Amino acid sequence: MKKPGMRVLVVDIGGTNVKILATGQNTFRKVPSGRELTPEKMVSEVARLAGDWEYDVVAIGYPGRVADGRIAVEPPNLGHGWVGFDFNAAFGHRVKIVNDAAMQALGSYKSGLLLFLGLGTGLGAALVADGVVIPLELGHLPFKNGTYQEYLGVRALKRLGRKRWQKHVEFTAERLRDALQPDDVVLGGGNAKKLKSLPPGCRAGTNAYAFIGGFRLWEMEPTRRRPARAQPLRAA
């Protein structure tokens, strides 16, 4: 439960960058991630970046499977040692961890049933049903000659080119809308901005949604509160 006045540090871990924002701050800060990023190095870099910020608790968006608030699988695009790592002890604060797509989905949520697709290093996905977050692992489902991640992730964008990649994004969004019948569809992640146009029925996500989702993790009843309006952010 988020107590009145509790200050939250949100850490959004991506395959390219780690971005952070704290309660009361308007400008996020970032540091490169990549295959050499271990949890120890992440904590050290975040502590350095947030050295002049005050915070009481930490919310982490992790690019992989999280079960019961714990990292369940090592990340394919980062270093090793994440499963079993004691983030509470490392940060010296209480920490909540959730899948990064789920965190962005929570921050994107308005009402009804939301489908979130994160177009980043891989493919993140989550549903939010009446404020309850349901992480999905759609990226690993079979698609054509591989998986959805292999056709919608950053490597597919480079391999196929933007036009063919966008067609796969449009196809996937349309099929998932037909199957899940969401009230709202948000396309987030760093590569969403590379879409020349949004598929019908979709809206664009922003960096702010990930941070809002992290703040909401520490709210008492985020499903019953009116979602905060996402504000434009700029990198430090």
Protein backbone atom coordinates (compact mmCIF):
# COMPACT_ATOMS: atom_id res chain seq x y z
CA MET A 1 0.00 0.00 0.00
CA LYS A 2 1.26 3.43 -0.88
CA LYS A 3 1.16 5.66 2.18
CA PRO A 4 0.41 9.39 1.83
CA GLY A 5 3.60 11.18 0.94
CA MET A 6 5.43 7.98 -0.01
CA ARG A 7 8.07 8.74 -2.61
CA VAL A 8 8.53 6.13 -5.34
CA LEU A 9 11.53 5.52 -7.56
CA VAL A 10 10.44 3.84 -10.80
CA VAL A 11 13.01 1.83 -12.76
CA ASP A 12 12.05 0.82 -16.30
CA ILE A 13 14.55 -1.78 -17.56
CA GLY A 14 14.71 -2.17 -21.32
CA GLY A 15 16.98 -4.01 -23.69
CA THR A 16 18.57 -0.73 -24.77
CA ASN A 17 18.28 1.62 -21.79
CA VAL A 18 17.35 1.70 -18.13
CA LYS A 19 15.14 4.73 -17.42
CA ILE A 20 14.29 6.09 -14.00
CA LEU A 21 11.94 8.68 -12.54
CA ALA A 22 11.04 9.53 -8.95
CA THR A 23 8.03 11.12 -7.33
CA GLY A 24 8.16 14.90 -7.76
CA GLN A 25 10.55 14.78 -10.73
CA ASN A 26 9.61 15.81 -14.28
CA THR A 27 12.66 14.66 -16.21
CA PHE A 28 13.61 11.01 -16.47
CA ARG A 29 17.21 9.86 -16.51
CA LYS A 30 18.66 6.93 -18.40
CA VAL A 31 21.72 4.74 -18.78
CA PRO A 32 22.48 2.11 -21.47
CA SER A 33 21.61 -1.50 -20.64
CA GLY A 34 22.48 -4.42 -22.95
CA ARG A 35 23.92 -7.90 -22.55
CA GLU A 36 26.51 -6.86 -19.97
CA LEU A 37 23.92 -5.47 -17.56
CA THR A 38 23.76 -7.62 -14.43
CA PRO A 39 21.37 -6.82 -11.55
CA GLU A 40 24.31 -5.64 -9.45
CA LYS A 41 25.40 -3.24 -12.19
CA MET A 42 21.82 -2.06 -12.70
CA VAL A 43 21.40 -1.22 -9.01
CA SER A 44 24.76 0.56 -8.95
CA GLU A 45 23.92 2.65 -12.04
CA VAL A 46 20.45 3.50 -10.77
CA ALA A 47 21.83 4.54 -7.37
CA ARG A 48 24.32 6.80 -9.14
CA LEU A 49 21.68 8.33 -11.42
CA ALA A 50 19.25 8.90 -8.57
CA GLY A 51 21.89 10.08 -6.14
CA ASP A 52 20.28 13.48 -5.58
CA TRP A 53 16.68 12.16 -5.48
CA GLU A 54 14.83 11.11 -2.35
CA TYR A 55 12.62 8.02 -2.40
CA ASP A 56 11.13 5.53 0.03
CA VAL A 57 10.27 2.55 -2.19
CA VAL A 58 11.20 1.22 -5.62
CA ALA A 59 9.09 -0.11 -8.51
CA ILE A 60 10.89 -2.10 -11.22
CA GLY A 61 9.63 -2.96 -14.69
CA TYR A 62 11.56 -6.08 -15.76
CA PRO A 63 11.79 -7.30 -19.40
CA GLY A 64 10.86 -10.89 -18.70
CA ARG A 65 8.59 -13.20 -16.76
CA VAL A 66 7.74 -12.23 -13.19
CA ALA A 67 5.77 -14.58 -10.92
CA ASP A 68 4.48 -13.62 -7.46
CA GLY A 69 6.61 -10.49 -7.50
CA ARG A 70 9.81 -12.39 -8.24
CA ILE A 71 11.83 -12.72 -11.43
CA ALA A 72 11.16 -16.18 -12.83
CA VAL A 73 13.35 -16.31 -15.96
CA GLU A 74 16.72 -14.82 -16.90
CA PRO A 75 16.38 -12.03 -19.51
CA PRO A 76 17.51 -12.89 -23.06
CA ASN A 77 18.85 -9.41 -23.80
CA LEU A 78 20.64 -8.60 -20.53
CA GLY A 79 23.36 -10.13 -18.35
CA HIS A 80 22.83 -13.02 -15.92
CA GLY A 81 22.05 -13.34 -12.23
CA TRP A 82 18.56 -11.82 -12.12
CA VAL A 83 16.68 -14.86 -10.82
CA GLY A 84 16.95 -14.95 -7.02
CA PHE A 85 18.63 -11.55 -6.73
CA ASP A 86 17.71 -9.68 -3.53
CA PHE A 87 16.63 -6.26 -4.80
CA ASN A 88 15.33 -5.15 -1.40
CA ALA A 89 18.75 -5.61 0.17
CA ALA A 90 20.59 -4.13 -2.82
CA PHE A 91 18.52 -0.95 -2.90
CA GLY A 92 18.06 -0.73 0.85
CA HIS A 93 14.36 -0.08 0.22
CA ARG A 94 11.23 -2.14 -0.35
CA VAL A 95 10.95 -3.13 -4.00
CA LYS A 96 8.02 -4.26 -6.15
CA ILE A 97 8.84 -5.98 -9.45
CA VAL A 98 6.49 -6.48 -12.39
CA ASN A 99 6.92 -7.33 -16.05
CA ASP A 100 7.80 -4.14 -17.95
CA ALA A 101 4.89 -4.49 -20.39
CA ALA A 102 2.52 -5.00 -17.46
CA MET A 103 3.86 -1.85 -15.82
CA GLN A 104 3.32 0.19 -18.99
CA ALA A 105 -0.12 -1.33 -19.41
CA LEU A 106 -1.07 -0.33 -15.87
CA GLY A 107 0.10 3.21 -16.55
CA SER A 108 -1.85 3.30 -19.83
CA TYR A 109 -5.09 2.10 -18.29
CA LYS A 110 -8.28 4.18 -18.40
CA SER A 111 -11.24 1.79 -18.10
CA GLY A 112 -12.73 -1.48 -19.32
CA LEU A 113 -10.40 -3.97 -21.01
CA LEU A 114 -7.03 -2.71 -22.23
CA LEU A 115 -4.64 -4.57 -24.52
CA PHE A 116 -1.05 -3.33 -24.42
CA LEU A 117 1.58 -4.29 -26.99
CA GLY A 118 5.16 -3.18 -26.36
CA LEU A 119 7.25 -2.83 -29.50
CA GLY A 120 10.80 -2.79 -28.22
CA THR A 121 13.78 -5.10 -28.25
CA GLY A 122 11.23 -7.92 -28.21
CA LEU A 123 7.44 -7.97 -27.97
CA GLY A 124 5.85 -7.26 -24.63
CA ALA A 125 2.14 -7.71 -24.00
CA ALA A 126 -0.38 -7.41 -21.20
CA LEU A 127 -4.08 -7.02 -20.53
CA VAL A 128 -5.66 -4.82 -17.89
CA ALA A 129 -9.20 -5.92 -17.01
CA ASP A 130 -11.03 -3.51 -14.71
CA GLY A 131 -7.69 -2.46 -13.26
CA VAL A 132 -6.29 -5.98 -12.80
CA VAL A 133 -3.05 -6.51 -14.74
CA ILE A 134 -2.66 -9.79 -16.65
CA PRO A 135 0.85 -10.24 -18.12
CA LEU A 136 1.01 -12.12 -21.42
CA GLU A 137 3.82 -13.96 -23.20
CA LEU A 138 2.58 -13.46 -26.75
CA GLY A 139 6.06 -12.89 -28.11
CA HIS A 140 6.93 -16.57 -27.86
CA LEU A 141 3.83 -17.86 -29.64
CA PRO A 142 4.42 -19.41 -33.10
CA PHE A 143 3.99 -17.04 -36.02
CA LYS A 144 4.89 -17.76 -39.67
CA ASN A 145 8.37 -19.34 -39.64
CA GLY A 146 9.20 -18.31 -36.10
CA THR A 147 7.52 -16.44 -33.25
CA TYR A 148 5.72 -13.12 -32.96
CA GLN A 149 8.82 -11.63 -31.36
CA GLU A 150 10.88 -12.57 -34.40
CA TYR A 151 8.53 -10.57 -36.64
CA LEU A 152 7.68 -7.63 -34.38
CA GLY A 153 10.88 -7.12 -32.35
CA VAL A 154 13.74 -4.78 -33.13
CA ARG A 155 15.66 -7.44 -35.08
CA ALA A 156 12.65 -7.90 -37.35
CA LEU A 157 12.51 -4.15 -37.92
CA LYS A 158 16.12 -4.22 -39.09
CA ARG A 159 15.76 -7.43 -41.07
CA LEU A 160 12.46 -6.74 -42.80
CA GLY A 161 12.52 -2.97 -43.09
CA ARG A 162 9.97 -0.58 -41.65
CA LYS A 163 7.18 -1.17 -44.21
CA ARG A 164 7.09 -4.97 -43.90
CA TRP A 165 7.56 -4.75 -40.14
CA GLN A 166 4.62 -2.35 -39.88
CA LYS A 167 2.41 -4.74 -41.85
CA HIS A 168 3.15 -7.46 -39.28
CA VAL A 169 2.32 -5.04 -36.46
CA GLU A 170 -0.98 -4.13 -38.14
CA PHE A 171 -1.84 -7.78 -38.77
CA THR A 172 -1.11 -8.74 -35.16
CA ALA A 173 -3.05 -5.82 -33.68
CA GLU A 174 -6.06 -6.62 -35.85
CA ARG A 175 -6.08 -10.34 -34.99
CA LEU A 176 -5.70 -9.68 -31.26
CA ARG A 177 -8.49 -7.12 -31.32
CA ASP A 178 -10.76 -9.66 -33.01
CA ALA A 179 -9.84 -12.38 -30.52
CA LEU A 180 -9.81 -10.41 -27.26
CA GLN A 181 -12.35 -7.65 -28.00
CA PRO A 182 -10.58 -4.99 -25.91
CA ASP A 183 -12.09 -1.56 -25.29
CA ASP A 184 -8.69 0.08 -25.76
CA VAL A 185 -5.42 -0.87 -27.48
CA VAL A 186 -2.13 0.85 -26.70
CA LEU A 187 1.04 0.39 -28.75
CA GLY A 188 4.03 1.30 -26.62
CA GLY A 189 7.73 0.56 -26.47
CA GLY A 190 10.56 2.42 -28.13
CA ASN A 191 9.72 1.30 -31.66
CA ALA A 192 6.06 2.34 -31.62
CA LYS A 193 7.17 5.80 -32.74
CA LYS A 194 8.55 4.23 -35.93
CA LEU A 195 5.08 3.32 -37.12
CA LYS A 196 4.16 5.65 -39.96
CA SER A 197 0.53 5.42 -38.88
CA LEU A 198 -1.29 3.63 -36.07
CA PRO A 199 -3.48 0.60 -36.83
CA PRO A 200 -7.23 1.32 -36.55
CA GLY A 201 -8.47 1.37 -32.97
CA CYS A 202 -5.01 1.83 -31.47
CA ARG A 203 -3.40 4.73 -29.62
CA ALA A 204 0.25 5.43 -29.00
CA GLY A 205 1.93 4.88 -25.67
CA THR A 206 4.55 7.19 -24.17
CA ASN A 207 7.45 6.90 -21.74
CA ALA A 208 5.20 8.50 -19.15
CA TYR A 209 2.93 5.44 -19.05
CA ALA A 210 5.70 3.19 -17.75
CA PHE A 211 6.45 5.59 -14.93
CA ILE A 212 2.78 6.12 -14.09
CA GLY A 213 2.42 2.34 -13.92
CA GLY A 214 5.31 2.15 -11.48
CA PHE A 215 3.76 4.79 -9.24
CA ARG A 216 0.42 2.97 -9.37
CA LEU A 217 2.05 -0.25 -8.16
CA TRP A 218 2.38 1.44 -4.78
CA GLU A 219 -1.11 2.91 -4.70
CA MET A 220 -3.67 1.26 -2.42
CA GLU A 221 -6.41 0.74 -4.99
CA PRO A 222 -5.27 1.95 -8.43
CA THR A 223 -8.29 0.39 -10.16
CA ARG A 224 -10.68 2.71 -8.35
CA ARG A 225 -8.79 5.91 -8.95
CA ARG A 226 -9.02 8.08 -11.98
CA PRO A 227 -5.83 7.48 -14.00
CA ALA A 228 -3.40 10.36 -13.95
CA ARG A 229 -2.94 12.12 -17.26
CA ALA A 230 0.37 11.19 -18.89
CA GLN A 231 2.65 14.20 -19.17
CA PRO A 232 5.36 14.55 -21.83
CA LEU A 233 8.82 13.75 -20.53
CA ARG A 234 12.25 14.64 -21.73
CA ALA A 235 15.55 12.90 -21.17
CA ALA A 236 18.11 14.50 -18.90
